[in-house]
Structures are given as structure tokens and as C-alpha cells.
Amino acid sequence: MNDNNITRVKLDPKNPTQGKTNWVKVKAMTEEEIEQAAKNDSDCLPLSQKELNEFRRIMEKSD
């Protein structure tokens, strides 16, 4: 991995972005319904525990 493949973004807390998530619908769903919806989304399948274990924490550099 190299720094050319990483995009870093700093959000402006005074100007939050608005996503397209329908939170009312999500909050009305059960955990099972949420998991099934995630499994049905071929663009973003849930990660396995093995894949999650491969993540590593990256600390932000202080200026």
C-alpha cells in the first residue's frame, strides 16, 4: 500500500453533509432485517470476522 491510494477528507462540523440514508426506515428494521438487506447488497457485502480482524488502526498525525 502507498499514500497514492489513500484519500483523506476532513469534514467541516459547521457544514455537515447530508447522506441519502432513510434513518426512519432503518430504525424501524430489526437486526435480522438489516443483516439480510446488507447481504442482498452486492455492492457492499458485510465483512467476515476474518476480514475485520485484518483491519489495523491508523492514528492521525498531529501537526
C-alpha atoms as a PDB file:
ATOM      1  CA  MET A   1       0.000   0.000   0.000  1.00  0.00           C
ATOM      2  CA  ASN A   2       1.178   3.507  -0.675  1.00  0.00           C
ATOM      3  CA  ASP A   3      -0.085   7.012   0.040  1.00  0.00           C
ATOM      4  CA  ASN A   4      -1.218   7.459  -3.580  1.00  0.00           C
ATOM      5  CA  ASN A   5      -4.177   5.155  -2.922  1.00  0.00           C
ATOM      6  CA  ILE A   6      -5.444   6.902   0.198  1.00  0.00           C
ATOM      7  CA  THR A   7      -7.902   9.777   0.183  1.00  0.00           C
ATOM      8  CA  ARG A   8      -8.120  11.755   3.402  1.00  0.00           C
ATOM      9  CA  VAL A   9     -11.061  14.051   3.998  1.00  0.00           C
ATOM     10  CA  LYS A  10     -11.678  16.453   6.871  1.00  0.00           C
ATOM     11  CA  LEU A  11     -15.306  17.280   7.495  1.00  0.00           C
ATOM     12  CA  ASP A  12     -16.418  20.739   8.483  1.00  0.00           C
ATOM     13  CA  PRO A  13     -18.549  20.391  11.647  1.00  0.00           C
ATOM     14  CA  LYS A  14     -20.240  23.726  10.851  1.00  0.00           C
ATOM     15  CA  ASN A  15     -21.381  22.383   7.469  1.00  0.00           C
ATOM     16  CA  PRO A  16     -22.331  18.690   7.870  1.00  0.00           C
ATOM     17  CA  THR A  17     -23.086  16.680   4.760  1.00  0.00           C
ATOM     18  CA  GLN A  18     -26.455  15.018   4.340  1.00  0.00           C
ATOM     19  CA  GLY A  19     -26.467  11.396   3.207  1.00  0.00           C
ATOM     20  CA  LYS A  20     -29.241   9.549   1.413  1.00  0.00           C
ATOM     21  CA  THR A  21     -29.990   7.112   4.234  1.00  0.00           C
ATOM     22  CA  ASN A  22     -33.622   6.887   5.313  1.00  0.00           C
ATOM     23  CA  TRP A  23     -32.968   6.676   9.071  1.00  0.00           C
ATOM     24  CA  VAL A  24     -36.667   6.359   9.961  1.00  0.00           C
ATOM     25  CA  LYS A  25     -36.816   3.184   7.870  1.00  0.00           C
ATOM     26  CA  VAL A  26     -33.536   1.853   9.289  1.00  0.00           C
ATOM     27  CA  LYS A  27     -34.617   2.477  12.899  1.00  0.00           C
ATOM     28  CA  ALA A  28     -37.845   0.565  12.225  1.00  0.00           C
ATOM     29  CA  MET A  29     -35.932  -2.523  10.999  1.00  0.00           C
ATOM     30  CA  THR A  30     -34.871  -5.450  13.163  1.00  0.00           C
ATOM     31  CA  GLU A  31     -31.211  -6.504  13.322  1.00  0.00           C
ATOM     32  CA  GLU A  32     -32.118  -9.544  11.192  1.00  0.00           C
ATOM     33  CA  GLU A  33     -33.727  -7.343   8.525  1.00  0.00           C
ATOM     34  CA  ILE A  34     -30.694  -5.054   8.468  1.00  0.00           C
ATOM     35  CA  GLU A  35     -28.315  -8.008   8.120  1.00  0.00           C
ATOM     36  CA  GLN A  36     -30.421  -9.530   5.326  1.00  0.00           C
ATOM     37  CA  ALA A  37     -30.538  -6.184   3.478  1.00  0.00           C
ATOM     38  CA  ALA A  38     -26.753  -5.926   3.753  1.00  0.00           C
ATOM     39  CA  LYS A  39     -26.303  -9.465   2.417  1.00  0.00           C
ATOM     40  CA  ASN A  40     -28.568  -8.618  -0.541  1.00  0.00           C
ATOM     41  CA  ASP A  41     -26.442  -5.563  -1.460  1.00  0.00           C
ATOM     42  CA  SER A  42     -23.830  -6.985  -3.828  1.00  0.00           C
ATOM     43  CA  ASP A  43     -22.026  -3.620  -3.978  1.00  0.00           C
ATOM     44  CA  CYS A  44     -21.185  -3.675  -0.286  1.00  0.00           C
ATOM     45  CA  LEU A  45     -21.335  -7.120   1.291  1.00  0.00           C
ATOM     46  CA  PRO A  46     -20.742  -7.370   5.054  1.00  0.00           C
ATOM     47  CA  LEU A  47     -17.179  -8.212   6.042  1.00  0.00           C
ATOM     48  CA  SER A  48     -16.394 -11.548   7.632  1.00  0.00           C
ATOM     49  CA  GLN A  49     -14.838 -11.698  11.095  1.00  0.00           C
ATOM     50  CA  LYS A  50     -11.580 -12.787   9.413  1.00  0.00           C
ATOM     51  CA  GLU A  51     -11.632  -9.674   7.203  1.00  0.00           C
ATOM     52  CA  LEU A  52     -12.448  -7.439  10.177  1.00  0.00           C
ATOM     53  CA  ASN A  53      -9.513  -8.916  12.105  1.00  0.00           C
ATOM     54  CA  GLU A  54      -7.160  -7.802   9.301  1.00  0.00           C
ATOM     55  CA  PHE A  55      -8.006  -4.119   9.868  1.00  0.00           C
ATOM     56  CA  ARG A  56      -5.428  -2.062  11.674  1.00  0.00           C
ATOM     57  CA  ARG A  57      -5.847   1.231  13.455  1.00  0.00           C
ATOM     58  CA  ILE A  58      -4.163   4.235  11.874  1.00  0.00           C
ATOM     59  CA  MET A  59      -3.514   7.197  14.116  1.00  0.00           C
ATOM     60  CA  GLU A  60      -3.774  10.669  12.627  1.00  0.00           C
ATOM     61  CA  LYS A  61      -0.525  12.629  12.613  1.00  0.00           C
ATOM     62  CA  SER A  62      -0.539  15.665  14.857  1.00  0.00           C
ATOM     63  CA  ASP A  63       0.579  18.943  13.329  1.00  0.00           C
END
